[in-house]
């Protein structure tokens, strides 16, 4: 595979997005409340699941400062990774 795997995933994601946008535009316009509620439920489910996952890790449950520091470190890492990949 000579192509960068991240670039290949991005291209595939773009193609899927474009296809869904062409096919689903009418459905989203006809049922905006339904899709808004489904999206809200999806985000809430992910947040709740992540909270449950974090609660299972003793050091993060018992030490909120460690969780905060870990979150900041991850955000700094992803920000610097984004800058490097965006060049």
PDB file of N, CA and C in Angstrom:
ATOM      1  N   UNK A   1       0.861  -1.178   0.000  1.00  0.00           N
ATOM      2  CA  UNK A   1       0.000   0.000   0.000  1.00  0.00           C
ATOM      3  C   UNK A   1       0.898   1.229   0.000  1.00  0.00           C
ATOM      4  N   UNK A   2       0.994   1.886  -1.132  1.00  0.00           N
ATOM      5  CA  UNK A   2       1.867   3.049  -1.246  1.00  0.00           C
ATOM      6  C   UNK A   2       1.211   4.322  -0.718  1.00  0.00           C
ATOM      7  N   UNK A   3      -0.091   4.316  -0.634  1.00  0.00           N
ATOM      8  CA  UNK A   3      -0.819   5.497  -0.182  1.00  0.00           C
ATOM      9  C   UNK A   3      -0.821   5.549   1.348  1.00  0.00           C
ATOM     10  N   UNK A   4      -0.786   6.748   1.885  1.00  0.00           N
ATOM     11  CA  UNK A   4      -0.850   6.943   3.331  1.00  0.00           C
ATOM     12  C   UNK A   4      -2.181   6.393   3.846  1.00  0.00           C
ATOM     13  N   UNK A   5      -2.164   5.501   4.857  1.00  0.00           N
ATOM     14  CA  UNK A   5      -3.424   4.900   5.322  1.00  0.00           C
ATOM     15  C   UNK A   5      -4.401   5.924   5.890  1.00  0.00           C
ATOM     16  N   UNK A   6      -3.900   6.939   6.570  1.00  0.00           N
ATOM     17  CA  UNK A   6      -4.785   7.966   7.115  1.00  0.00           C
ATOM     18  C   UNK A   6      -5.450   8.734   5.980  1.00  0.00           C
ATOM     19  N   UNK A   7      -4.685   9.022   4.951  1.00  0.00           N
ATOM     20  CA  UNK A   7      -5.238   9.725   3.795  1.00  0.00           C
ATOM     21  C   UNK A   7      -6.278   8.857   3.083  1.00  0.00           C
ATOM     22  N   UNK A   8      -6.037   7.549   3.002  1.00  0.00           N
ATOM     23  CA  UNK A   8      -6.993   6.647   2.371  1.00  0.00           C
ATOM     24  C   UNK A   8      -8.291   6.597   3.169  1.00  0.00           C
ATOM     25  N   UNK A   9      -8.202   6.577   4.496  1.00  0.00           N
ATOM     26  CA  UNK A   9      -9.391   6.574   5.342  1.00  0.00           C
ATOM     27  C   UNK A   9     -10.155   7.879   5.172  1.00  0.00           C
ATOM     28  N   UNK A  10      -9.432   8.999   5.128  1.00  0.00           N
ATOM     29  CA  UNK A  10     -10.078  10.297   4.927  1.00  0.00           C
ATOM     30  C   UNK A  10     -10.809  10.340   3.586  1.00  0.00           C
ATOM     31  N   UNK A  11     -10.202   9.807   2.549  1.00  0.00           N
ATOM     32  CA  UNK A  11     -10.833   9.805   1.222  1.00  0.00           C
ATOM     33  C   UNK A  11     -12.091   8.942   1.235  1.00  0.00           C
ATOM     34  N   UNK A  12     -12.013   7.766   1.864  1.00  0.00           N
ATOM     35  CA  UNK A  12     -13.175   6.887   1.960  1.00  0.00           C
ATOM     36  C   UNK A  12     -14.298   7.556   2.745  1.00  0.00           C
ATOM     37  N   UNK A  13     -13.946   8.215   3.851  1.00  0.00           N
ATOM     38  CA  UNK A  13     -14.934   8.919   4.659  1.00  0.00           C
ATOM     39  C   UNK A  13     -15.602  10.024   3.847  1.00  0.00           C
ATOM     40  N   UNK A  14     -14.814  10.751   3.061  1.00  0.00           N
ATOM     41  CA  UNK A  14     -15.369  11.818   2.223  1.00  0.00           C
ATOM     42  C   UNK A  14     -16.332  11.262   1.185  1.00  0.00           C
ATOM     43  N   UNK A  15     -15.966  10.150   0.556  1.00  0.00           N
ATOM     44  CA  UNK A  15     -16.840   9.554  -0.448  1.00  0.00           C
ATOM     45  C   UNK A  15     -18.154   9.081   0.172  1.00  0.00           C
ATOM     46  N   UNK A  16     -18.085   8.462   1.348  1.00  0.00           N
ATOM     47  CA  UNK A  16     -19.299   8.015   2.038  1.00  0.00           C
ATOM     48  C   UNK A  16     -20.161   9.218   2.410  1.00  0.00           C
ATOM     49  N   UNK A  17     -19.515  10.253   2.941  1.00  0.00           N
ATOM     50  CA  UNK A  17     -20.248  11.462   3.323  1.00  0.00           C
ATOM     51  C   UNK A  17     -20.958  12.075   2.119  1.00  0.00           C
ATOM     52  N   UNK A  18     -20.254  12.185   1.001  1.00  0.00           N
ATOM     53  CA  UNK A  18     -20.856  12.770  -0.199  1.00  0.00           C
ATOM     54  C   UNK A  18     -22.047  11.945  -0.682  1.00  0.00           C
ATOM     55  N   UNK A  19     -21.913  10.622  -0.648  1.00  0.00           N
ATOM     56  CA  UNK A  19     -23.008   9.740  -1.080  1.00  0.00           C
ATOM     57  C   UNK A  19     -24.220   9.898  -0.170  1.00  0.00           C
ATOM     58  N   UNK A  20     -23.989   9.887   1.132  1.00  0.00           N
ATOM     59  CA  UNK A  20     -25.092  10.019   2.085  1.00  0.00           C
ATOM     60  C   UNK A  20     -25.743  11.391   1.955  1.00  0.00           C
ATOM     61  N   UNK A  21     -24.940  12.407   1.722  1.00  0.00           N
ATOM     62  CA  UNK A  21     -25.496  13.755   1.576  1.00  0.00           C
ATOM     63  C   UNK A  21     -26.416  13.836   0.374  1.00  0.00           C
ATOM     64  N   UNK A  22     -26.006  13.222  -0.732  1.00  0.00           N
ATOM     65  CA  UNK A  22     -26.860  13.243  -1.934  1.00  0.00           C
ATOM     66  C   UNK A  22     -28.160  12.472  -1.698  1.00  0.00           C
ATOM     67  N   UNK A  23     -28.071  11.322  -1.041  1.00  0.00           N
ATOM     68  CA  UNK A  23     -29.242  10.468  -0.856  1.00  0.00           C
ATOM     69  C   UNK A  23     -30.139  10.936   0.282  1.00  0.00           C
ATOM     70  N   UNK A  24     -29.554  11.469   1.339  1.00  0.00           N
ATOM     71  CA  UNK A  24     -30.321  11.730   2.543  1.00  0.00           C
ATOM     72  C   UNK A  24     -30.815  13.142   2.726  1.00  0.00           C
ATOM     73  N   UNK A  25     -30.480  14.030   1.832  1.00  0.00           N
ATOM     74  CA  UNK A  25     -30.856  15.438   1.994  1.00  0.00           C
ATOM     75  C   UNK A  25     -32.365  15.605   2.159  1.00  0.00           C
ATOM     76  N   UNK A  26     -33.166  14.930   1.346  1.00  0.00           N
ATOM     77  CA  UNK A  26     -34.622  15.072   1.427  1.00  0.00           C
ATOM     78  C   UNK A  26     -35.162  14.530   2.740  1.00  0.00           C
ATOM     79  N   UNK A  27     -34.618  13.419   3.214  1.00  0.00           N
ATOM     80  CA  UNK A  27     -35.098  12.819   4.452  1.00  0.00           C
ATOM     81  C   UNK A  27     -34.828  13.747   5.623  1.00  0.00           C
ATOM     82  N   UNK A  28     -33.643  14.339   5.678  1.00  0.00           N
ATOM     83  CA  UNK A  28     -33.309  15.256   6.764  1.00  0.00           C
ATOM     84  C   UNK A  28     -34.216  16.483   6.763  1.00  0.00           C
ATOM     85  N   UNK A  29     -34.582  16.945   5.568  1.00  0.00           N
ATOM     86  CA  UNK A  29     -35.457  18.118   5.479  1.00  0.00           C
ATOM     87  C   UNK A  29     -36.888  17.787   5.885  1.00  0.00           C
ATOM     88  N   UNK A  30     -37.316  16.557   5.597  1.00  0.00           N
ATOM     89  CA  UNK A  30     -38.697  16.180   5.933  1.00  0.00           C
ATOM     90  C   UNK A  30     -38.871  15.870   7.410  1.00  0.00           C
ATOM     91  N   UNK A  31     -37.852  15.333   8.054  1.00  0.00           N
ATOM     92  CA  UNK A  31     -37.963  14.902   9.453  1.00  0.00           C
ATOM     93  C   UNK A  31     -36.844  15.504  10.315  1.00  0.00           C
ATOM     94  N   UNK A  32     -36.749  16.819  10.411  1.00  0.00           N
ATOM     95  CA  UNK A  32     -35.630  17.410  11.157  1.00  0.00           C
ATOM     96  C   UNK A  32     -35.691  17.111  12.657  1.00  0.00           C
ATOM     97  N   UNK A  33     -36.879  17.102  13.236  1.00  0.00           N
ATOM     98  CA  UNK A  33     -36.999  16.846  14.664  1.00  0.00           C
ATOM     99  C   UNK A  33     -36.583  15.417  15.007  1.00  0.00           C
ATOM    100  N   UNK A  34     -36.981  14.465  14.179  1.00  0.00           N
ATOM    101  CA  UNK A  34     -36.615  13.066  14.413  1.00  0.00           C
ATOM    102  C   UNK A  34     -35.105  12.902  14.417  1.00  0.00           C
ATOM    103  N   UNK A  35     -34.442  13.480  13.428  1.00  0.00           N
ATOM    104  CA  UNK A  35     -33.001  13.334  13.357  1.00  0.00           C
ATOM    105  C   UNK A  35     -32.297  14.118  14.461  1.00  0.00           C
ATOM    106  N   UNK A  36     -32.847  15.250  14.861  1.00  0.00           N
ATOM    107  CA  UNK A  36     -32.263  16.006  15.976  1.00  0.00           C
ATOM    108  C   UNK A  36     -32.357  15.200  17.267  1.00  0.00           C
ATOM    109  N   UNK A  37     -33.506  14.561  17.493  1.00  0.00           N
ATOM    110  CA  UNK A  37     -33.661  13.738  18.694  1.00  0.00           C
ATOM    111  C   UNK A  37     -32.746  12.513  18.663  1.00  0.00           C
ATOM    112  N   UNK A  38     -32.622  11.886  17.506  1.00  0.00           N
ATOM    113  CA  UNK A  38     -31.723  10.733  17.386  1.00  0.00           C
ATOM    114  C   UNK A  38     -30.267  11.141  17.616  1.00  0.00           C
ATOM    115  N   UNK A  39     -29.875  12.276  17.064  1.00  0.00           N
ATOM    116  CA  UNK A  39     -28.508  12.748  17.273  1.00  0.00           C
ATOM    117  C   UNK A  39     -28.264  13.090  18.734  1.00  0.00           C
ATOM    118  N   UNK A  40     -29.236  13.720  19.378  1.00  0.00           N
ATOM    119  CA  UNK A  40     -29.111  14.047  20.799  1.00  0.00           C
ATOM    120  C   UNK A  40     -28.981  12.782  21.635  1.00  0.00           C
ATOM    121  N   UNK A  41     -29.819  11.785  21.330  1.00  0.00           N
ATOM    122  CA  UNK A  41     -29.729  10.528  22.053  1.00  0.00           C
ATOM    123  C   UNK A  41     -28.362   9.865  21.831  1.00  0.00           C
ATOM    124  N   UNK A  42     -27.878   9.895  20.603  1.00  0.00           N
ATOM    125  CA  UNK A  42     -26.581   9.289  20.298  1.00  0.00           C
ATOM    126  C   UNK A  42     -25.453   9.941  21.083  1.00  0.00           C
ATOM    127  N   UNK A  43     -25.436  11.259  21.120  1.00  0.00           N
ATOM    128  CA  UNK A  43     -24.395  11.971  21.868  1.00  0.00           C
ATOM    129  C   UNK A  43     -24.518  11.673  23.360  1.00  0.00           C
ATOM    130  N   UNK A  44     -25.741  11.680  23.873  1.00  0.00           N
ATOM    131  CA  UNK A  44     -25.949  11.381  25.291  1.00  0.00           C
ATOM    132  C   UNK A  44     -25.507   9.968  25.633  1.00  0.00           C
ATOM    133  N   UNK A  45     -25.791   9.017  24.751  1.00  0.00           N
ATOM    134  CA  UNK A  45     -25.399   7.633  24.987  1.00  0.00           C
ATOM    135  C   UNK A  45     -23.876   7.489  25.012  1.00  0.00           C
ATOM    136  N   UNK A  46     -23.197   8.175  24.107  1.00  0.00           N
ATOM    137  CA  UNK A  46     -21.733   8.099  24.081  1.00  0.00           C
ATOM    138  C   UNK A  46     -21.150   8.707  25.351  1.00  0.00           C
ATOM    139  N   UNK A  47     -21.647   9.870  25.765  1.00  0.00           N
ATOM    140  CA  UNK A  47     -21.145  10.526  26.972  1.00  0.00           C
ATOM    141  C   UNK A  47     -21.403   9.652  28.196  1.00  0.00           C
ATOM    142  N   UNK A  48     -22.602   9.111  28.291  1.00  0.00           N
ATOM    143  CA  UNK A  48     -22.944   8.254  29.428  1.00  0.00           C
ATOM    144  C   UNK A  48     -22.090   6.988  29.441  1.00  0.00           C
ATOM    145  N   UNK A  49     -21.898   6.390  28.289  1.00  0.00           N
ATOM    146  CA  UNK A  49     -21.050   5.195  28.196  1.00  0.00           C
ATOM    147  C   UNK A  49     -19.615   5.496  28.563  1.00  0.00           C
ATOM    148  N   UNK A  50     -19.107   6.630  28.109  1.00  0.00           N
ATOM    149  CA  UNK A  50     -17.732   7.007  28.445  1.00  0.00           C
ATOM    150  C   UNK A  50     -17.593   7.261  29.945  1.00  0.00           C
ATOM    151  N   UNK A  51     -18.598   7.891  30.532  1.00  0.00           N
ATOM    152  CA  UNK A  51     -18.570   8.126  31.979  1.00  0.00           C
ATOM    153  C   UNK A  51     -18.554   6.805  32.741  1.00  0.00           C
ATOM    154  N   UNK A  52     -19.364   5.855  32.300  1.00  0.00           N
ATOM    155  CA  UNK A  52     -19.370   4.532  32.922  1.00  0.00           C
ATOM    156  C   UNK A  52     -18.029   3.831  32.772  1.00  0.00           C
ATOM    157  N   UNK A  53     -17.413   3.985  31.608  1.00  0.00           N
ATOM    158  CA  UNK A  53     -16.096   3.394  31.365  1.00  0.00           C
ATOM    159  C   UNK A  53     -15.045   4.010  32.288  1.00  0.00           C
ATOM    160  N   UNK A  54     -15.067   5.327  32.434  1.00  0.00           N
ATOM    161  CA  UNK A  54     -14.105   6.018  33.293  1.00  0.00           C
ATOM    162  C   UNK A  54     -14.332   5.643  34.754  1.00  0.00           C
ATOM    163  N   UNK A  55     -15.595   5.461  35.147  1.00  0.00           N
ATOM    164  CA  UNK A  55     -15.898   5.089  36.530  1.00  0.00           C
ATOM    165  C   UNK A  55     -15.347   3.706  36.894  1.00  0.00           C
ATOM    166  N   UNK A  56     -15.098   2.867  35.896  1.00  0.00           N
ATOM    167  CA  UNK A  56     -14.538   1.541  36.151  1.00  0.00           C
ATOM    168  C   UNK A  56     -13.033   1.596  36.435  1.00  0.00           C
ATOM    169  N   UNK A  57     -12.376   2.688  36.094  1.00  0.00           N
ATOM    170  CA  UNK A  57     -10.939   2.830  36.319  1.00  0.00           C
ATOM    171  C   UNK A  57     -10.753   3.533  37.655  1.00  0.00           C
ATOM    172  N   UNK A  58     -10.228   2.775  38.640  1.00  0.00           N
ATOM    173  CA  UNK A  58     -10.161   3.264  40.021  1.00  0.00           C
ATOM    174  C   UNK A  58      -9.425   4.590  40.157  1.00  0.00           C
ATOM    175  N   UNK A  59      -8.256   4.712  39.533  1.00  0.00           N
ATOM    176  CA  UNK A  59      -7.439   5.920  39.732  1.00  0.00           C
ATOM    177  C   UNK A  59      -8.140   7.161  39.167  1.00  0.00           C
ATOM    178  N   UNK A  60      -8.885   6.992  38.084  1.00  0.00           N
ATOM    179  CA  UNK A  60      -9.589   8.138  37.501  1.00  0.00           C
ATOM    180  C   UNK A  60     -10.854   8.469  38.287  1.00  0.00           C
ATOM    181  N   UNK A  61     -11.525   7.437  38.824  1.00  0.00           N
ATOM    182  CA  UNK A  61     -12.729   7.662  39.616  1.00  0.00           C
ATOM    183  C   UNK A  61     -12.383   8.334  40.941  1.00  0.00           C
ATOM    184  N   UNK A  62     -11.274   7.906  41.563  1.00  0.00           N
ATOM    185  CA  UNK A  62     -10.913   8.413  42.879  1.00  0.00           C
ATOM    186  C   UNK A  62     -10.118   9.709  42.839  1.00  0.00           C
ATOM    187  N   UNK A  63      -9.597  10.068  41.672  1.00  0.00           N
ATOM    188  CA  UNK A  63      -8.746  11.242  41.575  1.00  0.00           C
ATOM    189  C   UNK A  63      -9.164  12.087  40.359  1.00  0.00           C
ATOM    190  N   UNK A  64     -10.116  12.990  40.549  1.00  0.00           N
ATOM    191  CA  UNK A  64     -10.578  13.795  39.410  1.00  0.00           C
ATOM    192  C   UNK A  64      -9.479  14.682  38.818  1.00  0.00           C
ATOM    193  N   UNK A  65      -8.497  15.058  39.623  1.00  0.00           N
ATOM    194  CA  UNK A  65      -7.391  15.859  39.092  1.00  0.00           C
ATOM    195  C   UNK A  65      -6.604  15.064  38.055  1.00  0.00           C
ATOM    196  N   UNK A  66      -6.403  13.780  38.301  1.00  0.00           N
ATOM    197  CA  UNK A  66      -5.709  12.929  37.327  1.00  0.00           C
ATOM    198  C   UNK A  66      -6.502  12.846  36.033  1.00  0.00           C
ATOM    199  N   UNK A  67      -7.821  12.740  36.136  1.00  0.00           N
ATOM    200  CA  UNK A  67      -8.672  12.701  34.947  1.00  0.00           C
ATOM    201  C   UNK A  67      -8.574  14.010  34.176  1.00  0.00           C
ATOM    202  N   UNK A  68      -8.573  15.141  34.893  1.00  0.00           N
ATOM    203  CA  UNK A  68      -8.447  16.450  34.262  1.00  0.00           C
ATOM    204  C   UNK A  68      -7.108  16.583  33.543  1.00  0.00           C
ATOM    205  N   UNK A  69      -6.024  16.210  34.219  1.00  0.00           N
ATOM    206  CA  UNK A  69      -4.685  16.308  33.622  1.00  0.00           C
ATOM    207  C   UNK A  69      -4.581  15.396  32.404  1.00  0.00           C
ATOM    208  N   UNK A  70      -5.108  14.178  32.511  1.00  0.00           N
ATOM    209  CA  UNK A  70      -5.095  13.266  31.371  1.00  0.00           C
ATOM    210  C   UNK A  70      -5.859  13.858  30.190  1.00  0.00           C
ATOM    211  N   UNK A  71      -7.005  14.467  30.454  1.00  0.00           N
ATOM    212  CA  UNK A  71      -7.782  15.100  29.390  1.00  0.00           C
ATOM    213  C   UNK A  71      -7.026  16.233  28.721  1.00  0.00           C
ATOM    214  N   UNK A  72      -6.361  17.072  29.516  1.00  0.00           N
ATOM    215  CA  UNK A  72      -5.583  18.187  28.954  1.00  0.00           C
ATOM    216  C   UNK A  72      -4.423  17.658  28.117  1.00  0.00           C
ATOM    217  N   UNK A  73      -3.740  16.630  28.608  1.00  0.00           N
ATOM    218  CA  UNK A  73      -2.611  16.042  27.862  1.00  0.00           C
ATOM    219  C   UNK A  73      -3.101  15.479  26.530  1.00  0.00           C
ATOM    220  N   UNK A  74      -4.232  14.788  26.546  1.00  0.00           N
ATOM    221  CA  UNK A  74      -4.771  14.229  25.299  1.00  0.00           C
ATOM    222  C   UNK A  74      -5.147  15.344  24.328  1.00  0.00           C
ATOM    223  N   UNK A  75      -5.759  16.417  24.825  1.00  0.00           N
ATOM    224  CA  UNK A  75      -6.102  17.537  23.944  1.00  0.00           C
ATOM    225  C   UNK A  75      -4.857  18.197  23.361  1.00  0.00           C
ATOM    226  N   UNK A  76      -3.819  18.367  24.176  1.00  0.00           N
ATOM    227  CA  UNK A  76      -2.571  18.941  23.664  1.00  0.00           C
ATOM    228  C   UNK A  76      -1.945  18.032  22.615  1.00  0.00           C
ATOM    229  N   UNK A  77      -1.962  16.724  22.869  1.00  0.00           N
ATOM    230  CA  UNK A  77      -1.401  15.762  21.914  1.00  0.00           C
ATOM    231  C   UNK A  77      -2.151  15.797  20.591  1.00  0.00           C
ATOM    232  N   UNK A  78      -3.490  15.769  20.661  1.00  0.00           N
ATOM    233  CA  UNK A  78      -4.257  15.772  19.414  1.00  0.00           C
ATOM    234  C   UNK A  78      -4.117  17.099  18.676  1.00  0.00           C
ATOM    235  N   UNK A  79      -3.981  18.198  19.413  1.00  0.00           N
ATOM    236  CA  UNK A  79      -3.763  19.491  18.764  1.00  0.00           C
ATOM    237  C   UNK A  79      -2.442  19.543  18.027  1.00  0.00           C
ATOM    238  N   UNK A  80      -1.383  19.034  18.658  1.00  0.00           N
ATOM    239  CA  UNK A  80      -0.079  19.038  17.993  1.00  0.00           C
ATOM    240  C   UNK A  80      -0.061  18.042  16.834  1.00  0.00           C
ATOM    241  N   UNK A  81      -0.747  16.921  16.980  1.00  0.00           N
ATOM    242  CA  UNK A  81      -0.837  15.955  15.888  1.00  0.00           C
ATOM    243  C   UNK A  81      -1.573  16.567  14.706  1.00  0.00           C
ATOM    244  N   UNK A  82      -2.634  17.293  14.982  1.00  0.00           N
ATOM    245  CA  UNK A  82      -3.388  17.960  13.922  1.00  0.00           C
ATOM    246  C   UNK A  82      -2.502  18.960  13.170  1.00  0.00           C
ATOM    247  N   UNK A  83      -1.730  19.741  13.932  1.00  0.00           N
ATOM    248  CA  UNK A  83      -0.853  20.724  13.288  1.00  0.00           C
ATOM    249  C   UNK A  83       0.164  20.043  12.388  1.00  0.00           C
ATOM    250  N   UNK A  84       0.731  18.919  12.851  1.00  0.00           N
ATOM    251  CA  UNK A  84       1.724  18.209  12.035  1.00  0.00           C
ATOM    252  C   UNK A  84       1.111  17.609  10.793  1.00  0.00           C
ATOM    253  N   UNK A  85      -0.065  17.014  10.913  1.00  0.00           N
ATOM    254  CA  UNK A  85      -0.704  16.393   9.760  1.00  0.00           C
ATOM    255  C   UNK A  85      -1.263  17.412   8.789  1.00  0.00           C
ATOM    256  N   UNK A  86      -1.529  18.621   9.265  1.00  0.00           N
ATOM    257  CA  UNK A  86      -2.122  19.657   8.418  1.00  0.00           C
ATOM    258  C   UNK A  86      -1.081  20.361   7.559  1.00  0.00           C
ATOM    259  N   UNK A  87       0.190  20.138   7.813  1.00  0.00           N
ATOM    260  CA  UNK A  87       1.249  20.811   7.038  1.00  0.00           C
ATOM    261  C   UNK A  87       1.366  20.260   5.649  1.00  0.00           C
TER     262      UNK A  87
END
